[in-house]
Amino acid sequence: MDTAGTAPDVSPPDPDAYAREAVAADERELVRRAQAGDASAFRRLVERHADRAHALALRIVRSPSDAEEVAQDAFVRAWGGLPRYRGDAAFSSWLYRIVARRAFDRAAVLKGRRGREAGVEEIERIADTAARPDDEARARAREVGRRVDGLGDVQRLVVTLYYFQDRSVEEVARTLRMPENTVKTHLSRARAALRDAMTRAEGTP
């Protein structure tokens, strides 16, 4: 068949991919400078990841003040550990691993000090910062937050990274140093637990 004059099938460039790569390149440069002792570069990294680091810690320790302490401690440890960071995983994965480890240590200390009522502030914050279309949506967001807080520690962490921080299964696996199939299993079991809990709460047979 004569294919002369047929235009080649060239997909248009993906602007989002360019943007992501630009952000990643900028972060690599900030990390390189921070490793060389540039405190201002590290401050920019802190500013970039502070909110998510705090949110991740909050999901584990369930106390805003303790989450703030955990996040600050994690950043201090990250600054001290930068010379050992080799770039095998994204800086964010490496950092959130530190946050999670410090948060679990803190949660173990706090466990004997309080009951299950801890975490109400976070649940209400989720509801208040949701889309806010109506009271019913806010109530459902509050209930979802409560059910997530009721999951086991590892499942809650996996759900937080995957759903609340938009991490892929692969990224969650790298952050937590567990096989991807294990991440998928935790997600599946968490979804089933949340679905069953919500069904019982709504009185659906």
N, C-alpha and C. Protein backbone atom coordinates (compact mmCIF):
# COMPACT_ATOMS: atom_id res chain seq x y z
N MET A 1 0.86 -1.19 0.00
CA MET A 1 0.00 0.00 0.00
C MET A 1 0.89 1.23 0.00
N ASP A 2 0.46 2.22 -0.76
CA ASP A 2 1.22 3.46 -0.88
C ASP A 2 0.94 4.33 0.34
N THR A 3 1.99 4.56 1.11
CA THR A 3 1.82 5.37 2.32
C THR A 3 2.46 6.74 2.16
N ALA A 4 2.83 7.07 0.91
CA ALA A 4 3.47 8.36 0.68
C ALA A 4 2.52 9.48 1.07
N GLY A 5 3.05 10.44 1.71
CA GLY A 5 2.28 11.61 2.09
C GLY A 5 1.49 11.44 3.37
N THR A 6 1.54 10.22 3.96
CA THR A 6 0.81 10.00 5.22
C THR A 6 1.58 10.63 6.37
N ALA A 7 0.90 11.45 7.13
CA ALA A 7 1.57 12.14 8.25
C ALA A 7 1.89 11.13 9.35
N PRO A 8 3.05 11.24 9.93
CA PRO A 8 3.40 10.32 11.03
C PRO A 8 2.49 10.56 12.23
N ASP A 9 2.25 9.48 12.98
CA ASP A 9 1.40 9.57 14.16
C ASP A 9 2.26 10.03 15.34
N VAL A 10 2.25 11.31 15.55
CA VAL A 10 3.06 11.88 16.63
C VAL A 10 2.13 12.46 17.68
N SER A 11 2.20 11.92 18.89
CA SER A 11 1.35 12.41 19.98
C SER A 11 1.85 13.77 20.43
N PRO A 12 0.92 14.65 20.78
CA PRO A 12 1.35 15.98 21.26
C PRO A 12 2.07 15.85 22.59
N PRO A 13 2.97 16.76 22.88
CA PRO A 13 3.67 16.71 24.17
C PRO A 13 2.72 16.89 25.33
N ASP A 14 3.04 16.23 26.42
CA ASP A 14 2.20 16.31 27.62
C ASP A 14 2.72 17.43 28.51
N PRO A 15 2.00 18.56 28.58
CA PRO A 15 2.49 19.69 29.40
C PRO A 15 2.61 19.33 30.87
N ASP A 16 1.73 18.43 31.35
CA ASP A 16 1.80 18.03 32.75
C ASP A 16 3.09 17.27 33.04
N ALA A 17 3.50 16.44 32.07
CA ALA A 17 4.75 15.69 32.25
C ALA A 17 5.94 16.64 32.32
N TYR A 18 5.94 17.67 31.46
CA TYR A 18 7.01 18.66 31.51
C TYR A 18 7.01 19.37 32.86
N ALA A 19 5.83 19.70 33.36
CA ALA A 19 5.74 20.41 34.64
C ALA A 19 6.25 19.54 35.77
N ARG A 20 5.87 18.27 35.76
CA ARG A 20 6.32 17.36 36.81
C ARG A 20 7.83 17.20 36.78
N GLU A 21 8.38 17.09 35.60
CA GLU A 21 9.83 16.92 35.48
C GLU A 21 10.55 18.19 35.93
N ALA A 22 9.97 19.34 35.63
CA ALA A 22 10.58 20.61 36.07
C ALA A 22 10.61 20.69 37.59
N VAL A 23 9.51 20.28 38.21
CA VAL A 23 9.45 20.29 39.68
C VAL A 23 10.46 19.30 40.26
N ALA A 24 10.53 18.11 39.64
CA ALA A 24 11.46 17.09 40.13
C ALA A 24 12.91 17.56 39.98
N ALA A 25 13.21 18.20 38.84
CA ALA A 25 14.57 18.70 38.62
C ALA A 25 14.92 19.79 39.62
N ASP A 26 13.96 20.66 39.89
CA ASP A 26 14.19 21.72 40.87
C ASP A 26 14.43 21.13 42.25
N GLU A 27 13.67 20.08 42.59
CA GLU A 27 13.86 19.45 43.90
C GLU A 27 15.22 18.77 44.00
N ARG A 28 15.64 18.11 42.93
CA ARG A 28 16.96 17.48 42.95
C ARG A 28 18.05 18.52 43.17
N GLU A 29 17.89 19.69 42.55
CA GLU A 29 18.88 20.75 42.72
C GLU A 29 18.87 21.28 44.16
N LEU A 30 17.68 21.43 44.73
CA LEU A 30 17.60 21.87 46.12
C LEU A 30 18.25 20.86 47.06
N VAL A 31 18.01 19.59 46.80
CA VAL A 31 18.63 18.54 47.62
C VAL A 31 20.14 18.58 47.49
N ARG A 32 20.63 18.73 46.26
CA ARG A 32 22.08 18.80 46.05
C ARG A 32 22.68 19.96 46.83
N ARG A 33 22.03 21.11 46.77
CA ARG A 33 22.54 22.28 47.49
C ARG A 33 22.47 22.07 49.00
N ALA A 34 21.36 21.48 49.46
CA ALA A 34 21.23 21.23 50.89
C ALA A 34 22.29 20.25 51.38
N GLN A 35 22.58 19.25 50.58
CA GLN A 35 23.63 18.30 50.96
C GLN A 35 24.99 18.97 51.06
N ALA A 36 25.15 20.05 50.31
CA ALA A 36 26.41 20.80 50.35
C ALA A 36 26.42 21.81 51.50
N GLY A 37 25.35 21.82 52.31
CA GLY A 37 25.31 22.70 53.47
C GLY A 37 24.52 23.97 53.30
N ASP A 38 23.77 24.09 52.20
CA ASP A 38 22.98 25.29 51.95
C ASP A 38 21.68 25.21 52.75
N ALA A 39 21.62 25.93 53.89
CA ALA A 39 20.45 25.88 54.75
C ALA A 39 19.23 26.49 54.09
N SER A 40 19.42 27.49 53.24
CA SER A 40 18.28 28.12 52.58
C SER A 40 17.61 27.14 51.62
N ALA A 41 18.39 26.30 50.97
CA ALA A 41 17.82 25.29 50.08
C ALA A 41 17.00 24.29 50.88
N PHE A 42 17.51 23.91 52.05
CA PHE A 42 16.75 22.97 52.87
C PHE A 42 15.47 23.60 53.38
N ARG A 43 15.50 24.89 53.71
CA ARG A 43 14.29 25.57 54.15
C ARG A 43 13.23 25.53 53.06
N ARG A 44 13.64 25.67 51.82
CA ARG A 44 12.67 25.58 50.72
C ARG A 44 12.08 24.18 50.62
N LEU A 45 12.89 23.17 50.87
CA LEU A 45 12.37 21.80 50.88
C LEU A 45 11.38 21.62 52.03
N VAL A 46 11.70 22.18 53.17
CA VAL A 46 10.78 22.11 54.32
C VAL A 46 9.45 22.78 53.97
N GLU A 47 9.52 23.97 53.39
CA GLU A 47 8.30 24.69 53.03
C GLU A 47 7.48 23.89 52.02
N ARG A 48 8.14 23.20 51.12
CA ARG A 48 7.45 22.45 50.08
C ARG A 48 6.72 21.24 50.64
N HIS A 49 7.30 20.62 51.67
CA HIS A 49 6.74 19.35 52.16
C HIS A 49 6.13 19.45 53.55
N ALA A 50 6.14 20.62 54.17
CA ALA A 50 5.69 20.74 55.56
C ALA A 50 4.24 20.30 55.74
N ASP A 51 3.35 20.75 54.85
CA ASP A 51 1.93 20.45 55.02
C ASP A 51 1.65 18.95 54.94
N ARG A 52 2.24 18.30 53.97
CA ARG A 52 1.98 16.87 53.81
C ARG A 52 2.66 16.06 54.91
N ALA A 53 3.84 16.51 55.34
CA ALA A 53 4.51 15.82 56.44
C ALA A 53 3.65 15.90 57.70
N HIS A 54 3.10 17.09 57.96
CA HIS A 54 2.23 17.26 59.13
C HIS A 54 0.97 16.42 59.00
N ALA A 55 0.37 16.41 57.80
CA ALA A 55 -0.86 15.63 57.60
C ALA A 55 -0.61 14.14 57.80
N LEU A 56 0.53 13.66 57.32
CA LEU A 56 0.87 12.25 57.47
C LEU A 56 1.06 11.92 58.95
N ALA A 57 1.81 12.74 59.66
CA ALA A 57 2.01 12.53 61.09
C ALA A 57 0.70 12.57 61.85
N LEU A 58 -0.18 13.50 61.45
CA LEU A 58 -1.47 13.66 62.12
C LEU A 58 -2.33 12.42 61.98
N ARG A 59 -2.28 11.78 60.84
CA ARG A 59 -3.06 10.57 60.62
C ARG A 59 -2.60 9.45 61.56
N ILE A 60 -1.35 9.48 61.99
CA ILE A 60 -0.82 8.41 62.82
C ILE A 60 -0.96 8.73 64.30
N VAL A 61 -0.58 9.94 64.70
CA VAL A 61 -0.60 10.27 66.13
C VAL A 61 -1.94 10.86 66.58
N ARG A 62 -2.73 11.40 65.62
CA ARG A 62 -4.09 11.87 65.88
C ARG A 62 -4.13 13.06 66.85
N SER A 63 -3.12 13.84 66.86
CA SER A 63 -3.09 15.02 67.71
C SER A 63 -2.32 16.11 66.98
N PRO A 64 -2.93 17.26 66.70
CA PRO A 64 -2.25 18.31 65.95
C PRO A 64 -0.93 18.75 66.58
N SER A 65 -0.91 18.91 67.90
CA SER A 65 0.33 19.37 68.53
C SER A 65 1.42 18.31 68.45
N ASP A 66 1.05 17.05 68.65
CA ASP A 66 2.04 15.98 68.55
C ASP A 66 2.49 15.80 67.10
N ALA A 67 1.57 15.98 66.15
CA ALA A 67 1.94 15.86 64.74
C ALA A 67 2.94 16.95 64.36
N GLU A 68 2.73 18.16 64.88
CA GLU A 68 3.67 19.25 64.61
C GLU A 68 5.05 18.91 65.17
N GLU A 69 5.07 18.36 66.36
CA GLU A 69 6.35 17.98 66.98
C GLU A 69 7.03 16.88 66.17
N VAL A 70 6.25 15.90 65.73
CA VAL A 70 6.80 14.80 64.92
C VAL A 70 7.38 15.34 63.62
N ALA A 71 6.62 16.21 62.94
CA ALA A 71 7.09 16.76 61.66
C ALA A 71 8.38 17.55 61.85
N GLN A 72 8.45 18.36 62.88
CA GLN A 72 9.66 19.14 63.12
C GLN A 72 10.84 18.22 63.42
N ASP A 73 10.59 17.20 64.23
CA ASP A 73 11.65 16.24 64.54
C ASP A 73 12.13 15.53 63.28
N ALA A 74 11.17 15.18 62.40
CA ALA A 74 11.53 14.48 61.16
C ALA A 74 12.39 15.37 60.27
N PHE A 75 12.06 16.65 60.19
CA PHE A 75 12.86 17.56 59.36
C PHE A 75 14.27 17.73 59.94
N VAL A 76 14.37 17.79 61.26
CA VAL A 76 15.70 17.88 61.88
C VAL A 76 16.51 16.64 61.55
N ARG A 77 15.88 15.48 61.65
CA ARG A 77 16.58 14.24 61.35
C ARG A 77 16.92 14.14 59.86
N ALA A 78 16.03 14.67 59.02
CA ALA A 78 16.31 14.67 57.59
C ALA A 78 17.52 15.54 57.28
N TRP A 79 17.60 16.70 57.91
CA TRP A 79 18.76 17.58 57.71
C TRP A 79 20.05 16.87 58.11
N GLY A 80 20.01 16.19 59.25
CA GLY A 80 21.19 15.47 59.70
C GLY A 80 21.51 14.26 58.83
N GLY A 81 20.47 13.68 58.22
CA GLY A 81 20.69 12.48 57.43
C GLY A 81 20.93 12.73 55.95
N LEU A 82 20.88 13.98 55.52
CA LEU A 82 21.05 14.28 54.10
C LEU A 82 22.32 13.71 53.48
N PRO A 83 23.45 13.72 54.19
CA PRO A 83 24.65 13.13 53.59
C PRO A 83 24.50 11.66 53.22
N ARG A 84 23.56 10.97 53.87
CA ARG A 84 23.35 9.54 53.59
C ARG A 84 22.27 9.31 52.53
N TYR A 85 21.59 10.39 52.12
CA TYR A 85 20.57 10.25 51.08
C TYR A 85 21.25 10.14 49.73
N ARG A 86 20.98 9.03 49.01
CA ARG A 86 21.66 8.75 47.74
C ARG A 86 20.78 8.98 46.52
N GLY A 87 19.53 9.32 46.72
CA GLY A 87 18.67 9.59 45.59
C GLY A 87 18.09 8.35 44.94
N ASP A 88 18.17 7.19 45.62
CA ASP A 88 17.58 5.97 45.05
C ASP A 88 16.06 6.09 44.95
N ALA A 89 15.46 6.83 45.86
CA ALA A 89 14.02 7.12 45.82
C ALA A 89 13.86 8.63 45.83
N ALA A 90 12.68 9.09 45.50
CA ALA A 90 12.42 10.53 45.53
C ALA A 90 12.65 11.06 46.94
N PHE A 91 13.07 12.31 47.02
CA PHE A 91 13.31 12.92 48.32
C PHE A 91 12.05 12.84 49.19
N SER A 92 10.89 13.07 48.58
CA SER A 92 9.64 13.03 49.35
C SER A 92 9.40 11.65 49.95
N SER A 93 9.69 10.59 49.20
CA SER A 93 9.52 9.23 49.73
C SER A 93 10.45 9.00 50.91
N TRP A 94 11.69 9.43 50.76
CA TRP A 94 12.67 9.29 51.84
C TRP A 94 12.24 10.09 53.07
N LEU A 95 11.76 11.31 52.85
CA LEU A 95 11.33 12.16 53.96
C LEU A 95 10.11 11.58 54.66
N TYR A 96 9.10 11.15 53.90
CA TYR A 96 7.87 10.65 54.51
C TYR A 96 8.12 9.34 55.26
N ARG A 97 9.13 8.60 54.84
CA ARG A 97 9.51 7.39 55.59
C ARG A 97 10.01 7.78 56.98
N ILE A 98 10.79 8.86 57.04
CA ILE A 98 11.27 9.36 58.33
C ILE A 98 10.09 9.84 59.18
N VAL A 99 9.19 10.59 58.55
CA VAL A 99 8.01 11.09 59.27
C VAL A 99 7.20 9.93 59.83
N ALA A 100 6.94 8.92 59.01
CA ALA A 100 6.13 7.78 59.45
C ALA A 100 6.81 7.06 60.60
N ARG A 101 8.11 6.86 60.50
CA ARG A 101 8.83 6.15 61.56
C ARG A 101 8.76 6.93 62.88
N ARG A 102 8.98 8.25 62.81
CA ARG A 102 8.92 9.06 64.02
C ARG A 102 7.49 9.12 64.57
N ALA A 103 6.51 9.16 63.67
CA ALA A 103 5.11 9.21 64.12
C ALA A 103 4.71 7.92 64.82
N PHE A 104 5.12 6.78 64.29
CA PHE A 104 4.80 5.52 64.94
C PHE A 104 5.47 5.42 66.31
N ASP A 105 6.71 5.92 66.41
CA ASP A 105 7.38 5.94 67.72
C ASP A 105 6.60 6.81 68.71
N ARG A 106 6.16 7.98 68.22
CA ARG A 106 5.41 8.89 69.08
C ARG A 106 4.06 8.29 69.46
N ALA A 107 3.40 7.64 68.50
CA ALA A 107 2.10 7.04 68.77
C ALA A 107 2.20 5.95 69.83
N ALA A 108 3.30 5.21 69.82
CA ALA A 108 3.50 4.17 70.82
C ALA A 108 3.58 4.77 72.22
N VAL A 109 4.22 5.94 72.32
CA VAL A 109 4.33 6.62 73.61
C VAL A 109 2.96 7.13 74.06
N LEU A 110 2.19 7.64 73.11
CA LEU A 110 0.90 8.25 73.43
C LEU A 110 -0.20 7.23 73.69
N LYS A 111 0.01 6.00 73.22
CA LYS A 111 -1.08 5.03 73.22
C LYS A 111 -1.66 4.80 74.61
N GLY A 112 -0.81 4.77 75.59
CA GLY A 112 -1.30 4.51 76.94
C GLY A 112 -1.90 5.72 77.62
N ARG A 113 -1.88 6.87 76.95
CA ARG A 113 -2.33 8.10 77.60
C ARG A 113 -3.74 8.53 77.23
N ARG A 114 -4.31 7.89 76.24
CA ARG A 114 -5.60 8.40 75.79
C ARG A 114 -6.44 7.30 75.18
N GLY A 115 -7.70 7.57 75.00
CA GLY A 115 -8.62 6.61 74.41
C GLY A 115 -8.87 6.92 72.96
N ARG A 116 -9.92 6.33 72.44
CA ARG A 116 -10.20 6.46 71.02
C ARG A 116 -10.78 7.81 70.64
N GLU A 117 -11.10 8.66 71.66
CA GLU A 117 -11.66 9.97 71.31
C GLU A 117 -10.64 10.87 70.63
N ALA A 118 -9.33 10.56 70.78
CA ALA A 118 -8.32 11.37 70.11
C ALA A 118 -8.55 11.32 68.61
N GLY A 119 -8.32 12.43 67.94
CA GLY A 119 -8.48 12.49 66.50
C GLY A 119 -9.72 13.23 66.06
N VAL A 120 -10.58 13.64 67.00
CA VAL A 120 -11.79 14.35 66.63
C VAL A 120 -11.44 15.66 65.92
N GLU A 121 -10.38 16.34 66.38
CA GLU A 121 -10.00 17.60 65.75
C GLU A 121 -9.66 17.39 64.27
N GLU A 122 -8.98 16.30 63.98
CA GLU A 122 -8.62 16.04 62.58
C GLU A 122 -9.84 15.69 61.76
N ILE A 123 -10.74 14.91 62.33
CA ILE A 123 -11.96 14.56 61.60
C ILE A 123 -12.74 15.82 61.24
N GLU A 124 -12.90 16.72 62.21
CA GLU A 124 -13.63 17.96 61.96
C GLU A 124 -12.89 18.83 60.94
N ARG A 125 -11.56 18.80 60.97
CA ARG A 125 -10.79 19.59 60.01
C ARG A 125 -11.03 19.08 58.60
N ILE A 126 -11.08 17.75 58.44
CA ILE A 126 -11.35 17.16 57.12
C ILE A 126 -12.71 17.64 56.62
N ALA A 127 -13.69 17.60 57.50
CA ALA A 127 -15.04 18.02 57.10
C ALA A 127 -15.06 19.50 56.73
N ASP A 128 -14.40 20.32 57.54
CA ASP A 128 -14.45 21.77 57.32
C ASP A 128 -13.69 22.20 56.07
N THR A 129 -12.66 21.43 55.69
CA THR A 129 -11.85 21.81 54.53
C THR A 129 -12.25 21.04 53.28
N ALA A 130 -13.32 20.28 53.36
CA ALA A 130 -13.81 19.56 52.18
C ALA A 130 -14.47 20.54 51.23
N ALA A 131 -15.12 20.01 50.21
CA ALA A 131 -15.73 20.88 49.20
C ALA A 131 -16.85 21.75 49.77
N ARG A 132 -17.45 21.32 50.89
CA ARG A 132 -18.49 22.07 51.58
C ARG A 132 -19.74 22.33 50.72
N PRO A 133 -20.16 21.38 49.90
CA PRO A 133 -21.35 21.67 49.10
C PRO A 133 -22.62 21.74 49.94
N ASP A 134 -22.72 20.92 51.01
CA ASP A 134 -23.91 20.95 51.85
C ASP A 134 -23.61 20.21 53.15
N ASP A 135 -24.59 20.24 54.06
CA ASP A 135 -24.40 19.61 55.37
C ASP A 135 -24.23 18.11 55.25
N GLU A 136 -24.95 17.50 54.33
CA GLU A 136 -24.87 16.05 54.17
C GLU A 136 -23.46 15.63 53.74
N ALA A 137 -22.87 16.38 52.79
CA ALA A 137 -21.52 16.06 52.34
C ALA A 137 -20.51 16.23 53.47
N ARG A 138 -20.68 17.28 54.26
CA ARG A 138 -19.77 17.50 55.38
C ARG A 138 -19.89 16.37 56.40
N ALA A 139 -21.11 15.94 56.65
CA ALA A 139 -21.32 14.86 57.60
C ALA A 139 -20.68 13.57 57.11
N ARG A 140 -20.79 13.33 55.81
CA ARG A 140 -20.20 12.10 55.27
C ARG A 140 -18.68 12.18 55.33
N ALA A 141 -18.11 13.35 55.04
CA ALA A 141 -16.65 13.51 55.12
C ALA A 141 -16.19 13.28 56.55
N ARG A 142 -16.97 13.77 57.51
CA ARG A 142 -16.63 13.58 58.92
C ARG A 142 -16.65 12.10 59.27
N GLU A 143 -17.65 11.40 58.78
CA GLU A 143 -17.78 9.97 59.06
C GLU A 143 -16.65 9.18 58.41
N VAL A 144 -16.30 9.52 57.18
CA VAL A 144 -15.18 8.84 56.51
C VAL A 144 -13.89 9.05 57.31
N GLY A 145 -13.66 10.29 57.74
CA GLY A 145 -12.47 10.55 58.54
C GLY A 145 -12.44 9.73 59.81
N ARG A 146 -13.59 9.59 60.46
CA ARG A 146 -13.66 8.80 61.68
C ARG A 146 -13.34 7.34 61.39
N ARG A 147 -13.87 6.83 60.28
CA ARG A 147 -13.62 5.42 59.96
C ARG A 147 -12.16 5.18 59.58
N VAL A 148 -11.55 6.12 58.89
CA VAL A 148 -10.13 5.98 58.56
C VAL A 148 -9.30 5.96 59.84
N ASP A 149 -9.65 6.81 60.78
CA ASP A 149 -8.93 6.84 62.06
C ASP A 149 -9.08 5.52 62.81
N GLY A 150 -10.14 4.77 62.52
CA GLY A 150 -10.36 3.50 63.19
C GLY A 150 -9.61 2.34 62.58
N LEU A 151 -8.94 2.54 61.45
CA LEU A 151 -8.16 1.48 60.83
C LEU A 151 -6.90 1.19 61.65
N GLY A 152 -6.29 0.06 61.40
CA GLY A 152 -5.01 -0.25 62.02
C GLY A 152 -3.94 0.72 61.55
N ASP A 153 -2.83 0.77 62.29
CA ASP A 153 -1.80 1.76 62.01
C ASP A 153 -1.28 1.69 60.57
N VAL A 154 -0.94 0.50 60.10
CA VAL A 154 -0.34 0.38 58.76
C VAL A 154 -1.38 0.69 57.69
N GLN A 155 -2.59 0.17 57.84
CA GLN A 155 -3.63 0.45 56.85
C GLN A 155 -3.94 1.94 56.80
N ARG A 156 -3.98 2.59 57.97
CA ARG A 156 -4.25 4.03 58.00
C ARG A 156 -3.16 4.81 57.28
N LEU A 157 -1.92 4.38 57.46
CA LEU A 157 -0.80 5.04 56.80
C LEU A 157 -0.86 4.85 55.29
N VAL A 158 -1.15 3.63 54.85
CA VAL A 158 -1.25 3.34 53.42
C VAL A 158 -2.38 4.15 52.78
N VAL A 159 -3.53 4.18 53.45
CA VAL A 159 -4.68 4.94 52.94
C VAL A 159 -4.35 6.42 52.86
N THR A 160 -3.66 6.94 53.87
CA THR A 160 -3.30 8.36 53.88
C THR A 160 -2.40 8.70 52.71
N LEU A 161 -1.38 7.90 52.50
CA LEU A 161 -0.45 8.17 51.40
C LEU A 161 -1.15 8.03 50.04
N TYR A 162 -1.96 7.01 49.89
CA TYR A 162 -2.56 6.73 48.58
C TYR A 162 -3.70 7.68 48.25
N TYR A 163 -4.61 7.89 49.19
CA TYR A 163 -5.80 8.69 48.91
C TYR A 163 -5.64 10.16 49.27
N PHE A 164 -5.05 10.44 50.42
CA PHE A 164 -4.98 11.82 50.88
C PHE A 164 -3.77 12.56 50.32
N GLN A 165 -2.72 11.82 49.93
CA GLN A 165 -1.53 12.48 49.38
C GLN A 165 -1.28 12.09 47.93
N ASP A 166 -2.23 11.39 47.32
CA ASP A 166 -2.19 11.09 45.88
C ASP A 166 -0.91 10.37 45.46
N ARG A 167 -0.42 9.48 46.30
CA ARG A 167 0.74 8.68 45.94
C ARG A 167 0.29 7.43 45.20
N SER A 168 1.09 7.01 44.22
CA SER A 168 0.78 5.78 43.52
C SER A 168 1.13 4.58 44.40
N VAL A 169 0.64 3.40 44.01
CA VAL A 169 0.98 2.18 44.74
C VAL A 169 2.50 2.00 44.78
N GLU A 170 3.15 2.25 43.65
CA GLU A 170 4.60 2.12 43.58
C GLU A 170 5.29 3.08 44.56
N GLU A 171 4.81 4.32 44.61
CA GLU A 171 5.41 5.31 45.51
C GLU A 171 5.17 4.95 46.97
N VAL A 172 3.97 4.46 47.28
CA VAL A 172 3.69 4.03 48.65
C VAL A 172 4.61 2.88 49.04
N ALA A 173 4.79 1.95 48.12
CA ALA A 173 5.65 0.80 48.39
C ALA A 173 7.09 1.24 48.66
N ARG A 174 7.57 2.19 47.86
CA ARG A 174 8.94 2.69 48.08
C ARG A 174 9.06 3.43 49.40
N THR A 175 8.05 4.23 49.71
CA THR A 175 8.09 5.00 50.95
C THR A 175 8.11 4.09 52.17
N LEU A 176 7.28 3.06 52.16
CA LEU A 176 7.14 2.18 53.32
C LEU A 176 8.03 0.95 53.24
N ARG A 177 8.75 0.82 52.14
CA ARG A 177 9.65 -0.32 51.94
C ARG A 177 8.91 -1.65 52.11
N MET A 178 7.82 -1.77 51.37
CA MET A 178 7.07 -3.02 51.37
C MET A 178 6.72 -3.35 49.92
N PRO A 179 6.49 -4.62 49.61
CA PRO A 179 6.14 -5.00 48.23
C PRO A 179 4.85 -4.32 47.77
N GLU A 180 4.77 -4.06 46.46
CA GLU A 180 3.57 -3.43 45.93
C GLU A 180 2.32 -4.27 46.20
N ASN A 181 2.46 -5.59 46.11
CA ASN A 181 1.31 -6.45 46.36
C ASN A 181 0.82 -6.32 47.80
N THR A 182 1.74 -6.07 48.73
CA THR A 182 1.36 -5.87 50.12
C THR A 182 0.59 -4.56 50.26
N VAL A 183 1.04 -3.51 49.55
CA VAL A 183 0.31 -2.24 49.57
C VAL A 183 -1.10 -2.44 49.03
N LYS A 184 -1.22 -3.16 47.92
CA LYS A 184 -2.54 -3.40 47.33
C LYS A 184 -3.44 -4.19 48.29
N THR A 185 -2.83 -5.14 49.02
CA THR A 185 -3.61 -5.92 49.99
C THR A 185 -4.13 -5.03 51.10
N HIS A 186 -3.26 -4.14 51.62
CA HIS A 186 -3.68 -3.23 52.67
C HIS A 186 -4.80 -2.30 52.18
N LEU A 187 -4.66 -1.80 50.94
CA LEU A 187 -5.69 -0.94 50.39
C LEU A 187 -7.01 -1.67 50.23
N SER A 188 -6.94 -2.90 49.74
CA SER A 188 -8.15 -3.69 49.54
C SER A 188 -8.86 -3.96 50.86
N ARG A 189 -8.08 -4.34 51.86
CA ARG A 189 -8.68 -4.64 53.17
C ARG A 189 -9.23 -3.37 53.82
N ALA A 190 -8.51 -2.26 53.64
CA ALA A 190 -8.99 -0.99 54.21
C ALA A 190 -10.29 -0.57 53.54
N ARG A 191 -10.35 -0.69 52.22
CA ARG A 191 -11.59 -0.34 51.50
C ARG A 191 -12.75 -1.19 51.97
N ALA A 192 -12.48 -2.50 52.15
CA ALA A 192 -13.55 -3.40 52.59
C ALA A 192 -14.02 -3.03 54.00
N ALA A 193 -13.06 -2.73 54.88
CA ALA A 193 -13.41 -2.36 56.25
C ALA A 193 -14.21 -1.06 56.28
N LEU A 194 -13.79 -0.09 55.47
CA LEU A 194 -14.50 1.19 55.43
C LEU A 194 -15.90 1.01 54.84
N ARG A 195 -15.99 0.20 53.79
CA ARG A 195 -17.30 -0.03 53.16
C ARG A 195 -18.25 -0.71 54.15
N ASP A 196 -17.76 -1.73 54.85
CA ASP A 196 -18.61 -2.44 55.82
C ASP A 196 -19.04 -1.52 56.95
N ALA A 197 -18.08 -0.70 57.43
CA ALA A 197 -18.40 0.20 58.53
C ALA A 197 -19.44 1.24 58.11
N MET A 198 -19.27 1.79 56.92
CA MET A 198 -20.22 2.80 56.44
C MET A 198 -21.59 2.18 56.18
N THR A 199 -21.60 0.94 55.69
CA THR A 199 -22.87 0.25 55.45
C THR A 199 -23.63 0.02 56.75
N ARG A 200 -22.89 -0.42 57.78
CA ARG A 200 -23.53 -0.64 59.08
C ARG A 200 -24.03 0.68 59.66
N ALA A 201 -23.23 1.75 59.49
CA ALA A 201 -23.62 3.05 60.05
C ALA A 201 -24.88 3.58 59.39
N GLU A 202 -25.04 3.28 58.09
CA GLU A 202 -26.19 3.80 57.36
C GLU A 202 -27.40 2.87 57.47
N GLY A 203 -27.22 1.71 58.14
CA GLY A 203 -28.33 0.80 58.33
C GLY A 203 -28.73 0.05 57.10
N THR A 204 -27.78 -0.10 56.13
CA THR A 204 -28.08 -0.82 54.90
C THR A 204 -27.90 -2.30 55.15
N PRO A 205 -28.84 -3.15 54.76
CA PRO A 205 -28.74 -4.60 55.02
C PRO A 205 -27.61 -5.21 54.20
